[in-house]
Amino acid sequence: MIDRSEWIEKRKQISSRDLKNEQIARRILPFLKASSCIGYFYPVRQEADIFSLRDPDWTFVLPRVLDKTKMAFYDSTILKPGGFGIPEPVSDEEIVPDVLVIPLLVFCDGYRIGYGGGYYDRYLEKHPECLRIGIAFDEQEGQFEPESWDQRLDWIITPTRTLHYDRNGQ
């Protein structure tokens, strides 16, 4: 079992963060340029951060937690303080992105572990049409067995690698 607090501490110790974020941004840019609507997240707790890539010509949507089990994505033009102290959209018009950039705490073979709420796994199960891209630092790769409800990502992008995975586990 993964000790999330240990991985949070490990992520805090990652050096050269600005350079590594730039390297991730360069690697993910072709995916974003090909998208009409990009689902992103507001980076917290030293997560990989490509927020500066936001282009006024792109449609960026951010998640809002709706209840203890559900989140949805909305236009990110106007934000307000939300649950967990994370800024979230004010808009009430739900938008399903065609590309979803996903945070993670640790990754292994296309699977991710986040903070334990299961919001992304449930969202991805409901929206298989979204291209799923996790972003992380190389130091966040670990070993774990995915749970039955874990959703595999299509891509994980780190500063040094662009990793592709088959959702069916092949």
C-alpha atoms as a PDB file:
ATOM      1  CA  MET A   1       0.000   0.000   0.000  1.00  0.00           C
ATOM      2  CA  ILE A   2       1.232   3.502  -0.848  1.00  0.00           C
ATOM      3  CA  ASP A   3       1.877   5.923   1.987  1.00  0.00           C
ATOM      4  CA  ARG A   4       0.534   9.165   0.516  1.00  0.00           C
ATOM      5  CA  SER A   5       2.162  11.387   3.145  1.00  0.00           C
ATOM      6  CA  GLU A   6       5.548   9.873   2.282  1.00  0.00           C
ATOM      7  CA  TRP A   7       5.030  10.635  -1.414  1.00  0.00           C
ATOM      8  CA  ILE A   8       3.866  14.192  -0.654  1.00  0.00           C
ATOM      9  CA  GLU A   9       7.093  14.741   1.288  1.00  0.00           C
ATOM     10  CA  LYS A  10       9.139  13.159  -1.494  1.00  0.00           C
ATOM     11  CA  ARG A  11       7.541  15.492  -4.057  1.00  0.00           C
ATOM     12  CA  LYS A  12       8.366  18.518  -1.872  1.00  0.00           C
ATOM     13  CA  GLN A  13      12.065  17.589  -2.097  1.00  0.00           C
ATOM     14  CA  ILE A  14      12.206  17.617  -5.913  1.00  0.00           C
ATOM     15  CA  SER A  15      14.796  20.114  -7.108  1.00  0.00           C
ATOM     16  CA  SER A  16      14.954  22.241 -10.285  1.00  0.00           C
ATOM     17  CA  ARG A  17      11.164  22.435 -10.291  1.00  0.00           C
ATOM     18  CA  ASP A  18      10.890  25.422 -12.677  1.00  0.00           C
ATOM     19  CA  LEU A  19      13.132  23.773 -15.276  1.00  0.00           C
ATOM     20  CA  LYS A  20      11.256  20.474 -14.952  1.00  0.00           C
ATOM     21  CA  ASN A  21       7.879  22.207 -15.330  1.00  0.00           C
ATOM     22  CA  GLU A  22       9.173  23.852 -18.534  1.00  0.00           C
ATOM     23  CA  GLN A  23      10.311  20.461 -19.840  1.00  0.00           C
ATOM     24  CA  ILE A  24       6.883  18.953 -19.124  1.00  0.00           C
ATOM     25  CA  ALA A  25       5.236  21.936 -20.840  1.00  0.00           C
ATOM     26  CA  ARG A  26       7.306  21.436 -24.001  1.00  0.00           C
ATOM     27  CA  ARG A  27       6.379  17.742 -24.107  1.00  0.00           C
ATOM     28  CA  ILE A  28       2.644  18.276 -23.584  1.00  0.00           C
ATOM     29  CA  LEU A  29       2.257  21.230 -25.959  1.00  0.00           C
ATOM     30  CA  PRO A  30       1.494  19.140 -29.096  1.00  0.00           C
ATOM     31  CA  PHE A  31      -1.385  17.434 -27.263  1.00  0.00           C
ATOM     32  CA  LEU A  32      -2.818  20.774 -26.169  1.00  0.00           C
ATOM     33  CA  LYS A  33      -2.492  22.434 -29.590  1.00  0.00           C
ATOM     34  CA  ALA A  34      -4.523  19.586 -31.113  1.00  0.00           C
ATOM     35  CA  SER A  35      -7.329  20.014 -28.567  1.00  0.00           C
ATOM     36  CA  SER A  36     -10.429  22.172 -28.680  1.00  0.00           C
ATOM     37  CA  CYS A  37     -11.090  21.994 -24.934  1.00  0.00           C
ATOM     38  CA  ILE A  38      -8.523  21.243 -22.241  1.00  0.00           C
ATOM     39  CA  GLY A  39      -9.424  20.052 -18.768  1.00  0.00           C
ATOM     40  CA  TYR A  40      -6.781  21.034 -16.280  1.00  0.00           C
ATOM     41  CA  PHE A  41      -6.328  21.381 -12.527  1.00  0.00           C
ATOM     42  CA  TYR A  42      -5.217  24.189 -10.246  1.00  0.00           C
ATOM     43  CA  PRO A  43      -1.762  22.989  -9.071  1.00  0.00           C
ATOM     44  CA  VAL A  44      -1.264  22.675  -5.306  1.00  0.00           C
ATOM     45  CA  ARG A  45       1.182  20.935  -2.958  1.00  0.00           C
ATOM     46  CA  GLN A  46       4.116  21.199  -5.391  1.00  0.00           C
ATOM     47  CA  GLU A  47       2.307  19.328  -8.184  1.00  0.00           C
ATOM     48  CA  ALA A  48       3.781  19.514 -11.674  1.00  0.00           C
ATOM     49  CA  ASP A  49       2.615  22.858 -13.021  1.00  0.00           C
ATOM     50  CA  ILE A  50       2.004  23.862 -16.616  1.00  0.00           C
ATOM     51  CA  PHE A  51      -0.640  26.460 -15.703  1.00  0.00           C
ATOM     52  CA  SER A  52       1.424  29.169 -17.422  1.00  0.00           C
ATOM     53  CA  LEU A  53       0.757  27.468 -20.792  1.00  0.00           C
ATOM     54  CA  ARG A  54      -2.807  28.708 -20.762  1.00  0.00           C
ATOM     55  CA  ASP A  55      -3.406  30.386 -24.100  1.00  0.00           C
ATOM     56  CA  PRO A  56      -6.291  32.855 -24.579  1.00  0.00           C
ATOM     57  CA  ASP A  57      -7.221  31.042 -27.797  1.00  0.00           C
ATOM     58  CA  TRP A  58      -7.722  27.726 -25.984  1.00  0.00           C
ATOM     59  CA  THR A  59     -10.724  26.712 -23.939  1.00  0.00           C
ATOM     60  CA  PHE A  60      -9.484  25.723 -20.477  1.00  0.00           C
ATOM     61  CA  VAL A  61     -11.841  24.148 -17.984  1.00  0.00           C
ATOM     62  CA  LEU A  62     -11.172  23.379 -14.333  1.00  0.00           C
ATOM     63  CA  PRO A  63     -12.829  20.911 -11.961  1.00  0.00           C
ATOM     64  CA  ARG A  64     -15.255  21.739  -9.206  1.00  0.00           C
ATOM     65  CA  VAL A  65     -16.093  19.200  -6.528  1.00  0.00           C
ATOM     66  CA  LEU A  66     -19.872  18.797  -6.430  1.00  0.00           C
ATOM     67  CA  ASP A  67     -20.186  16.376  -3.535  1.00  0.00           C
ATOM     68  CA  LYS A  68     -18.195  13.662  -1.774  1.00  0.00           C
ATOM     69  CA  THR A  69     -18.058  11.488  -4.892  1.00  0.00           C
ATOM     70  CA  LYS A  70     -18.439  13.738  -7.926  1.00  0.00           C
ATOM     71  CA  MET A  71     -16.637  16.497  -9.760  1.00  0.00           C
ATOM     72  CA  ALA A  72     -17.303  18.201 -13.089  1.00  0.00           C
ATOM     73  CA  PHE A  73     -15.447  20.680 -15.293  1.00  0.00           C
ATOM     74  CA  TYR A  74     -16.440  24.283 -15.965  1.00  0.00           C
ATOM     75  CA  ASP A  75     -15.123  27.374 -17.758  1.00  0.00           C
ATOM     76  CA  SER A  76     -12.102  28.728 -15.895  1.00  0.00           C
ATOM     77  CA  THR A  77     -12.489  32.436 -16.696  1.00  0.00           C
ATOM     78  CA  ILE A  78     -13.741  33.373 -13.210  1.00  0.00           C
ATOM     79  CA  LEU A  79     -12.544  31.490 -10.123  1.00  0.00           C
ATOM     80  CA  LYS A  80     -13.526  31.565  -6.447  1.00  0.00           C
ATOM     81  CA  PRO A  81     -12.098  29.803  -3.364  1.00  0.00           C
ATOM     82  CA  GLY A  82     -13.439  26.263  -3.292  1.00  0.00           C
ATOM     83  CA  GLY A  83     -13.206  23.047  -1.322  1.00  0.00           C
ATOM     84  CA  PHE A  84      -9.797  22.115   0.047  1.00  0.00           C
ATOM     85  CA  GLY A  85      -8.794  25.793  -0.452  1.00  0.00           C
ATOM     86  CA  ILE A  86      -8.348  25.272  -4.192  1.00  0.00           C
ATOM     87  CA  PRO A  87      -9.711  27.932  -6.592  1.00  0.00           C
ATOM     88  CA  GLU A  88     -12.575  26.597  -8.668  1.00  0.00           C
ATOM     89  CA  PRO A  89     -14.795  27.894 -11.487  1.00  0.00           C
ATOM     90  CA  VAL A  90     -17.877  30.001 -10.828  1.00  0.00           C
ATOM     91  CA  SER A  91     -19.627  28.958 -14.066  1.00  0.00           C
ATOM     92  CA  ASP A  92     -22.592  26.560 -13.866  1.00  0.00           C
ATOM     93  CA  GLU A  93     -22.311  25.250 -17.432  1.00  0.00           C
ATOM     94  CA  GLU A  94     -20.659  21.824 -17.289  1.00  0.00           C
ATOM     95  CA  ILE A  95     -18.149  21.202 -20.087  1.00  0.00           C
ATOM     96  CA  VAL A  96     -16.593  17.838 -20.940  1.00  0.00           C
ATOM     97  CA  PRO A  97     -13.023  18.401 -22.190  1.00  0.00           C
ATOM     98  CA  ASP A  98     -11.564  16.375 -25.041  1.00  0.00           C
ATOM     99  CA  VAL A  99      -8.134  16.355 -23.348  1.00  0.00           C
ATOM    100  CA  LEU A 100      -7.823  15.991 -19.594  1.00  0.00           C
ATOM    101  CA  VAL A 101      -4.513  16.877 -17.903  1.00  0.00           C
ATOM    102  CA  ILE A 102      -4.469  15.055 -14.579  1.00  0.00           C
ATOM    103  CA  PRO A 103      -2.384  15.552 -11.420  1.00  0.00           C
ATOM    104  CA  LEU A 104      -0.920  12.638  -9.554  1.00  0.00           C
ATOM    105  CA  LEU A 105       1.051  11.802  -6.475  1.00  0.00           C
ATOM    106  CA  VAL A 106       2.689   8.609  -7.758  1.00  0.00           C
ATOM    107  CA  PHE A 107       2.422   6.644 -11.002  1.00  0.00           C
ATOM    108  CA  CYS A 108       3.118   3.103 -12.185  1.00  0.00           C
ATOM    109  CA  ASP A 109       2.449   1.519 -15.584  1.00  0.00           C
ATOM    110  CA  GLY A 110      -0.136   4.123 -16.627  1.00  0.00           C
ATOM    111  CA  TYR A 111      -1.999   4.166 -13.324  1.00  0.00           C
ATOM    112  CA  ARG A 112      -1.964   6.996 -10.844  1.00  0.00           C
ATOM    113  CA  ILE A 113      -2.531   7.511  -7.181  1.00  0.00           C
ATOM    114  CA  GLY A 114      -3.857  10.867  -6.102  1.00  0.00           C
ATOM    115  CA  TYR A 115      -5.005  12.074  -2.708  1.00  0.00           C
ATOM    116  CA  GLY A 116      -7.481   9.236  -2.208  1.00  0.00           C
ATOM    117  CA  GLY A 117     -10.855  10.782  -3.019  1.00  0.00           C
ATOM    118  CA  GLY A 118     -11.370   8.841  -6.250  1.00  0.00           C
ATOM    119  CA  TYR A 119     -12.758  11.891  -8.071  1.00  0.00           C
ATOM    120  CA  TYR A 120     -10.641  11.439 -11.202  1.00  0.00           C
ATOM    121  CA  ASP A 121     -11.228   7.675 -11.416  1.00  0.00           C
ATOM    122  CA  ARG A 122     -14.990   8.166 -11.273  1.00  0.00           C
ATOM    123  CA  TYR A 123     -14.854  11.032 -13.789  1.00  0.00           C
ATOM    124  CA  LEU A 124     -12.704   9.036 -16.225  1.00  0.00           C
ATOM    125  CA  GLU A 125     -15.001   6.025 -15.958  1.00  0.00           C
ATOM    126  CA  LYS A 126     -17.963   8.249 -16.827  1.00  0.00           C
ATOM    127  CA  HIS A 127     -16.105  10.035 -19.664  1.00  0.00           C
ATOM    128  CA  PRO A 128     -14.027   7.532 -21.645  1.00  0.00           C
ATOM    129  CA  GLU A 129     -14.005   9.927 -24.611  1.00  0.00           C
ATOM    130  CA  CYS A 130     -11.447  12.173 -22.863  1.00  0.00           C
ATOM    131  CA  LEU A 131      -7.786  11.767 -23.777  1.00  0.00           C
ATOM    132  CA  ARG A 132      -6.139  11.182 -20.376  1.00  0.00           C
ATOM    133  CA  ILE A 133      -2.730  12.743 -19.744  1.00  0.00           C
ATOM    134  CA  GLY A 134      -1.046  12.616 -16.357  1.00  0.00           C
ATOM    135  CA  ILE A 135       1.815  14.992 -15.638  1.00  0.00           C
ATOM    136  CA  ALA A 136       4.480  14.296 -13.045  1.00  0.00           C
ATOM    137  CA  PHE A 137       8.121  14.554 -12.183  1.00  0.00           C
ATOM    138  CA  ASP A 138      10.255  11.467 -12.891  1.00  0.00           C
ATOM    139  CA  GLU A 139      10.806  11.086  -9.148  1.00  0.00           C
ATOM    140  CA  GLN A 140       7.091  10.330  -8.704  1.00  0.00           C
ATOM    141  CA  GLU A 141       7.314   6.925 -10.353  1.00  0.00           C
ATOM    142  CA  GLY A 142       6.750   4.120  -7.872  1.00  0.00           C
ATOM    143  CA  GLN A 143       5.548   0.547  -7.617  1.00  0.00           C
ATOM    144  CA  PHE A 144       2.007  -0.427  -6.665  1.00  0.00           C
ATOM    145  CA  GLU A 145      -0.794  -2.721  -7.758  1.00  0.00           C
ATOM    146  CA  PRO A 146      -3.764  -0.792  -9.155  1.00  0.00           C
ATOM    147  CA  GLU A 147      -7.136  -1.288  -7.517  1.00  0.00           C
ATOM    148  CA  SER A 148     -10.094  -2.574  -9.547  1.00  0.00           C
ATOM    149  CA  TRP A 149     -11.589   0.928  -9.796  1.00  0.00           C
ATOM    150  CA  ASP A 150      -8.361   2.640 -10.924  1.00  0.00           C
ATOM    151  CA  GLN A 151      -8.551   4.111 -14.418  1.00  0.00           C
ATOM    152  CA  ARG A 152      -5.492   3.816 -16.653  1.00  0.00           C
ATOM    153  CA  LEU A 153      -4.202   6.954 -18.330  1.00  0.00           C
ATOM    154  CA  ASP A 154      -3.373   7.205 -22.035  1.00  0.00           C
ATOM    155  CA  TRP A 155      -0.174   9.149 -21.430  1.00  0.00           C
ATOM    156  CA  ILE A 156       2.082  10.197 -18.579  1.00  0.00           C
ATOM    157  CA  ILE A 157       4.419  13.060 -19.311  1.00  0.00           C
ATOM    158  CA  THR A 158       7.476  13.779 -17.191  1.00  0.00           C
ATOM    159  CA  PRO A 159      10.388  16.156 -17.833  1.00  0.00           C
ATOM    160  CA  THR A 160      12.326  13.383 -19.597  1.00  0.00           C
ATOM    161  CA  ARG A 161       9.685  10.966 -20.912  1.00  0.00           C
ATOM    162  CA  THR A 162       6.416  10.791 -22.820  1.00  0.00           C
ATOM    163  CA  LEU A 163       4.937   7.429 -21.846  1.00  0.00           C
ATOM    164  CA  HIS A 164       2.039   5.887 -23.769  1.00  0.00           C
ATOM    165  CA  TYR A 165      -0.300   3.242 -22.314  1.00  0.00           C
ATOM    166  CA  ASP A 166      -3.135   1.127 -23.651  1.00  0.00           C
ATOM    167  CA  ARG A 167      -6.240   1.560 -21.485  1.00  0.00           C
ATOM    168  CA  ASN A 168      -7.023  -2.125 -21.900  1.00  0.00           C
ATOM    169  CA  GLY A 169      -3.740  -3.068 -20.255  1.00  0.00           C
ATOM    170  CA  GLN A 170      -2.111  -4.535 -23.352  1.00  0.00           C
END
